[in-house]
Amino acid sequence: MPNFLKETRNEMKHVVWPSRTRTIAYTVVIIVLSVAIGYGLSGVDGIFRSALRSII
């Protein structure tokens, strides 16, 4: 177990972490895409609901 922790610590030194600006930009992109996909799915749901009501 101690060997695992030592190797993990060494690997973490090689990680390149994104800058604060890049992290915020990625977060904004994810939020915008999530909202857009949600609206898109809501629109498709509305179309299917209308089609189903007209059939029934």
PDB file of N, CA and C in Angstrom:
ATOM      1  N   MET A   1       0.814  -1.205   0.000  1.00  0.00           N
ATOM      2  CA  MET A   1       0.000   0.000   0.000  1.00  0.00           C
ATOM      3  C   MET A   1       0.856   1.267   0.000  1.00  0.00           C
ATOM      4  N   PRO A   2       1.889   1.370   0.809  1.00  0.00           N
ATOM      5  CA  PRO A   2       2.703   2.589   0.778  1.00  0.00           C
ATOM      6  C   PRO A   2       3.342   2.819  -0.597  1.00  0.00           C
ATOM      7  N   ASN A   3       3.694   1.724  -1.298  1.00  0.00           N
ATOM      8  CA  ASN A   3       4.268   1.853  -2.627  1.00  0.00           C
ATOM      9  C   ASN A   3       3.250   2.461  -3.590  1.00  0.00           C
ATOM     10  N   PHE A   4       2.005   2.052  -3.471  1.00  0.00           N
ATOM     11  CA  PHE A   4       0.935   2.590  -4.307  1.00  0.00           C
ATOM     12  C   PHE A   4       0.802   4.100  -4.097  1.00  0.00           C
ATOM     13  N   LEU A   5       0.820   4.524  -2.852  1.00  0.00           N
ATOM     14  CA  LEU A   5       0.684   5.950  -2.554  1.00  0.00           C
ATOM     15  C   LEU A   5       1.874   6.745  -3.083  1.00  0.00           C
ATOM     16  N   LYS A   6       3.058   6.193  -3.000  1.00  0.00           N
ATOM     17  CA  LYS A   6       4.249   6.866  -3.515  1.00  0.00           C
ATOM     18  C   LYS A   6       4.167   7.007  -5.038  1.00  0.00           C
ATOM     19  N   GLU A   7       3.739   5.942  -5.712  1.00  0.00           N
ATOM     20  CA  GLU A   7       3.604   5.996  -7.162  1.00  0.00           C
ATOM     21  C   GLU A   7       2.511   6.977  -7.577  1.00  0.00           C
ATOM     22  N   THR A   8       1.443   7.012  -6.813  1.00  0.00           N
ATOM     23  CA  THR A   8       0.358   7.943  -7.109  1.00  0.00           C
ATOM     24  C   THR A   8       0.845   9.378  -6.978  1.00  0.00           C
ATOM     25  N   ARG A   9       1.589   9.662  -5.935  1.00  0.00           N
ATOM     26  CA  ARG A   9       2.122  11.003  -5.738  1.00  0.00           C
ATOM     27  C   ARG A   9       3.043  11.390  -6.894  1.00  0.00           C
ATOM     28  N   ASN A  10       3.882  10.468  -7.348  1.00  0.00           N
ATOM     29  CA  ASN A  10       4.765  10.738  -8.479  1.00  0.00           C
ATOM     30  C   ASN A  10       3.973  11.004  -9.757  1.00  0.00           C
ATOM     31  N   GLU A  11       2.922  10.249  -9.984  1.00  0.00           N
ATOM     32  CA  GLU A  11       2.106  10.457 -11.183  1.00  0.00           C
ATOM     33  C   GLU A  11       1.390  11.805 -11.137  1.00  0.00           C
ATOM     34  N   MET A  12       0.952  12.212  -9.965  1.00  0.00           N
ATOM     35  CA  MET A  12       0.247  13.490  -9.829  1.00  0.00           C
ATOM     36  C   MET A  12       1.175  14.667 -10.157  1.00  0.00           C
ATOM     37  N   LYS A  13       2.474  14.493 -10.009  1.00  0.00           N
ATOM     38  CA  LYS A  13       3.426  15.549 -10.355  1.00  0.00           C
ATOM     39  C   LYS A  13       3.496  15.751 -11.865  1.00  0.00           C
ATOM     40  N   HIS A  14       3.127  14.738 -12.642  1.00  0.00           N
ATOM     41  CA  HIS A  14       3.186  14.816 -14.098  1.00  0.00           C
ATOM     42  C   HIS A  14       1.890  15.358 -14.716  1.00  0.00           C
ATOM     43  N   VAL A  15       0.863  15.517 -13.917  1.00  0.00           N
ATOM     44  CA  VAL A  15      -0.425  15.998 -14.421  1.00  0.00           C
ATOM     45  C   VAL A  15      -0.315  17.480 -14.760  1.00  0.00           C
ATOM     46  N   VAL A  16      -0.829  17.848 -15.935  1.00  0.00           N
ATOM     47  CA  VAL A  16      -0.889  19.257 -16.317  1.00  0.00           C
ATOM     48  C   VAL A  16      -2.324  19.729 -16.069  1.00  0.00           C
ATOM     49  N   TRP A  17      -2.489  20.559 -15.051  1.00  0.00           N
ATOM     50  CA  TRP A  17      -3.812  21.033 -14.685  1.00  0.00           C
ATOM     51  C   TRP A  17      -4.184  22.227 -15.549  1.00  0.00           C
ATOM     52  N   PRO A  18      -5.452  22.348 -15.937  1.00  0.00           N
ATOM     53  CA  PRO A  18      -5.870  23.504 -16.744  1.00  0.00           C
ATOM     54  C   PRO A  18      -5.856  24.781 -15.898  1.00  0.00           C
ATOM     55  N   SER A  19      -5.707  25.898 -16.581  1.00  0.00           N
ATOM     56  CA  SER A  19      -5.714  27.180 -15.879  1.00  0.00           C
ATOM     57  C   SER A  19      -7.136  27.494 -15.399  1.00  0.00           C
ATOM     58  N   ARG A  20      -7.233  28.483 -14.539  1.00  0.00           N
ATOM     59  CA  ARG A  20      -8.535  28.883 -14.017  1.00  0.00           C
ATOM     60  C   ARG A  20      -9.435  29.383 -15.146  1.00  0.00           C
ATOM     61  N   THR A  21      -8.855  30.155 -16.059  1.00  0.00           N
ATOM     62  CA  THR A  21      -9.622  30.697 -17.185  1.00  0.00           C
ATOM     63  C   THR A  21     -10.165  29.586 -18.070  1.00  0.00           C
ATOM     64  N   ARG A  22      -9.333  28.613 -18.375  1.00  0.00           N
ATOM     65  CA  ARG A  22      -9.760  27.499 -19.231  1.00  0.00           C
ATOM     66  C   ARG A  22     -10.839  26.669 -18.527  1.00  0.00           C
ATOM     67  N   THR A  23     -10.694  26.459 -17.222  1.00  0.00           N
ATOM     68  CA  THR A  23     -11.686  25.698 -16.469  1.00  0.00           C
ATOM     69  C   THR A  23     -13.039  26.402 -16.492  1.00  0.00           C
ATOM     70  N   ILE A  24     -13.024  27.719 -16.314  1.00  0.00           N
ATOM     71  CA  ILE A  24     -14.275  28.487 -16.353  1.00  0.00           C
ATOM     72  C   ILE A  24     -14.884  28.425 -17.752  1.00  0.00           C
ATOM     73  N   ALA A  25     -14.046  28.534 -18.781  1.00  0.00           N
ATOM     74  CA  ALA A  25     -14.554  28.472 -20.159  1.00  0.00           C
ATOM     75  C   ALA A  25     -15.197  27.120 -20.443  1.00  0.00           C
ATOM     76  N   TYR A  26     -14.535  26.038 -20.041  1.00  0.00           N
ATOM     77  CA  TYR A  26     -15.107  24.705 -20.247  1.00  0.00           C
ATOM     78  C   TYR A  26     -16.425  24.551 -19.491  1.00  0.00           C
ATOM     79  N   THR A  27     -16.485  25.091 -18.290  1.00  0.00           N
ATOM     80  CA  THR A  27     -17.709  24.998 -17.496  1.00  0.00           C
ATOM     81  C   THR A  27     -18.856  25.733 -18.181  1.00  0.00           C
ATOM     82  N   VAL A  28     -18.573  26.926 -18.701  1.00  0.00           N
ATOM     83  CA  VAL A  28     -19.609  27.700 -19.400  1.00  0.00           C
ATOM     84  C   VAL A  28     -20.084  26.950 -20.642  1.00  0.00           C
ATOM     85  N   VAL A  29     -19.162  26.369 -21.394  1.00  0.00           N
ATOM     86  CA  VAL A  29     -19.531  25.614 -22.599  1.00  0.00           C
ATOM     87  C   VAL A  29     -20.438  24.444 -22.231  1.00  0.00           C
ATOM     88  N   ILE A  30     -20.108  23.734 -21.177  1.00  0.00           N
ATOM     89  CA  ILE A  30     -20.912  22.586 -20.756  1.00  0.00           C
ATOM     90  C   ILE A  30     -22.306  23.024 -20.326  1.00  0.00           C
ATOM     91  N   ILE A  31     -22.389  24.120 -19.588  1.00  0.00           N
ATOM     92  CA  ILE A  31     -23.706  24.611 -19.141  1.00  0.00           C
ATOM     93  C   ILE A  31     -24.542  25.040 -20.339  1.00  0.00           C
ATOM     94  N   VAL A  32     -23.943  25.785 -21.277  1.00  0.00           N
ATOM     95  CA  VAL A  32     -24.683  26.251 -22.459  1.00  0.00           C
ATOM     96  C   VAL A  32     -25.162  25.066 -23.298  1.00  0.00           C
ATOM     97  N   LEU A  33     -24.286  24.095 -23.529  1.00  0.00           N
ATOM     98  CA  LEU A  33     -24.688  22.919 -24.303  1.00  0.00           C
ATOM     99  C   LEU A  33     -25.782  22.122 -23.597  1.00  0.00           C
ATOM    100  N   SER A  34     -25.697  22.007 -22.291  1.00  0.00           N
ATOM    101  CA  SER A  34     -26.723  21.276 -21.540  1.00  0.00           C
ATOM    102  C   SER A  34     -28.080  21.956 -21.664  1.00  0.00           C
ATOM    103  N   VAL A  35     -28.097  23.275 -21.550  1.00  0.00           N
ATOM    104  CA  VAL A  35     -29.358  24.013 -21.686  1.00  0.00           C
ATOM    105  C   VAL A  35     -29.895  23.891 -23.116  1.00  0.00           C
ATOM    106  N   ALA A  36     -29.016  24.002 -24.114  1.00  0.00           N
ATOM    107  CA  ALA A  36     -29.448  23.891 -25.507  1.00  0.00           C
ATOM    108  C   ALA A  36     -30.012  22.505 -25.804  1.00  0.00           C
ATOM    109  N   ILE A  37     -29.350  21.484 -25.324  1.00  0.00           N
ATOM    110  CA  ILE A  37     -29.848  20.111 -25.531  1.00  0.00           C
ATOM    111  C   ILE A  37     -31.176  19.921 -24.805  1.00  0.00           C
ATOM    112  N   GLY A  38     -31.305  20.493 -23.628  1.00  0.00           N
ATOM    113  CA  GLY A  38     -32.571  20.403 -22.891  1.00  0.00           C
ATOM    114  C   GLY A  38     -33.713  21.042 -23.651  1.00  0.00           C
ATOM    115  N   TYR A  39     -33.465  22.247 -24.204  1.00  0.00           N
ATOM    116  CA  TYR A  39     -34.505  22.907 -25.004  1.00  0.00           C
ATOM    117  C   TYR A  39     -34.820  22.108 -26.267  1.00  0.00           C
ATOM    118  N   GLY A  40     -33.791  21.561 -26.888  1.00  0.00           N
ATOM    119  CA  GLY A  40     -34.009  20.760 -28.086  1.00  0.00           C
ATOM    120  C   GLY A  40     -34.860  19.536 -27.800  1.00  0.00           C
ATOM    121  N   LEU A  41     -34.530  18.840 -26.722  1.00  0.00           N
ATOM    122  CA  LEU A  41     -35.316  17.655 -26.356  1.00  0.00           C
ATOM    123  C   LEU A  41     -36.745  18.036 -25.972  1.00  0.00           C
ATOM    124  N   SER A  42     -36.893  19.192 -25.331  1.00  0.00           N
ATOM    125  CA  SER A  42     -38.234  19.658 -24.983  1.00  0.00           C
ATOM    126  C   SER A  42     -39.048  19.929 -26.241  1.00  0.00           C
ATOM    127  N   GLY A  43     -38.401  20.520 -27.257  1.00  0.00           N
ATOM    128  CA  GLY A  43     -39.091  20.780 -28.524  1.00  0.00           C
ATOM    129  C   GLY A  43     -39.502  19.505 -29.224  1.00  0.00           C
ATOM    130  N   VAL A  44     -38.612  18.522 -29.256  1.00  0.00           N
ATOM    131  CA  VAL A  44     -38.935  17.229 -29.877  1.00  0.00           C
ATOM    132  C   VAL A  44     -40.062  16.554 -29.113  1.00  0.00           C
ATOM    133  N   ASP A  45     -40.028  16.661 -27.803  1.00  0.00           N
ATOM    134  CA  ASP A  45     -41.094  16.087 -26.981  1.00  0.00           C
ATOM    135  C   ASP A  45     -42.436  16.754 -27.306  1.00  0.00           C
ATOM    136  N   GLY A  46     -42.414  18.067 -27.468  1.00  0.00           N
ATOM    137  CA  GLY A  46     -43.641  18.779 -27.814  1.00  0.00           C
ATOM    138  C   GLY A  46     -44.192  18.347 -29.158  1.00  0.00           C
ATOM    139  N   ILE A  47     -43.304  18.141 -30.124  1.00  0.00           N
ATOM    140  CA  ILE A  47     -43.742  17.685 -31.445  1.00  0.00           C
ATOM    141  C   ILE A  47     -44.377  16.295 -31.352  1.00  0.00           C
ATOM    142  N   PHE A  48     -43.710  15.394 -30.639  1.00  0.00           N
ATOM    143  CA  PHE A  48     -44.272  14.048 -30.477  1.00  0.00           C
ATOM    144  C   PHE A  48     -45.596  14.081 -29.716  1.00  0.00           C
ATOM    145  N   ARG A  49     -45.684  14.956 -28.703  1.00  0.00           N
ATOM    146  CA  ARG A  49     -46.920  15.064 -27.938  1.00  0.00           C
ATOM    147  C   ARG A  49     -48.058  15.546 -28.826  1.00  0.00           C
ATOM    148  N   SER A  50     -47.781  16.558 -29.664  1.00  0.00           N
ATOM    149  CA  SER A  50     -48.807  17.073 -30.590  1.00  0.00           C
ATOM    150  C   SER A  50     -49.224  16.008 -31.592  1.00  0.00           C
ATOM    151  N   ALA A  51     -48.247  15.267 -32.115  1.00  0.00           N
ATOM    152  CA  ALA A  51     -48.552  14.224 -33.077  1.00  0.00           C
ATOM    153  C   ALA A  51     -49.398  13.138 -32.434  1.00  0.00           C
ATOM    154  N   LEU A  52     -49.061  12.781 -31.230  1.00  0.00           N
ATOM    155  CA  LEU A  52     -49.811  11.726 -30.531  1.00  0.00           C
ATOM    156  C   LEU A  52     -51.234  12.183 -30.222  1.00  0.00           C
ATOM    157  N   ARG A  53     -51.395  13.463 -29.839  1.00  0.00           N
ATOM    158  CA  ARG A  53     -52.741  13.976 -29.564  1.00  0.00           C
ATOM    159  C   ARG A  53     -53.594  13.990 -30.834  1.00  0.00           C
ATOM    160  N   SER A  54     -52.974  14.328 -31.961  1.00  0.00           N
ATOM    161  CA  SER A  54     -53.743  14.353 -33.203  1.00  0.00           C
ATOM    162  C   SER A  54     -54.124  12.954 -33.654  1.00  0.00           C
ATOM    163  N   ILE A  55     -53.304  11.968 -33.339  1.00  0.00           N
ATOM    164  CA  ILE A  55     -53.605  10.569 -33.686  1.00  0.00           C
ATOM    165  C   ILE A  55     -54.725  10.049 -32.780  1.00  0.00           C
ATOM    166  N   ILE A  56     -54.629  10.345 -31.514  1.00  0.00           N
ATOM    167  CA  ILE A  56     -55.633   9.855 -30.565  1.00  0.00           C
ATOM    168  C   ILE A  56     -56.812  10.772 -30.595  1.00  0.00           C
TER     169      ILE A  56
END
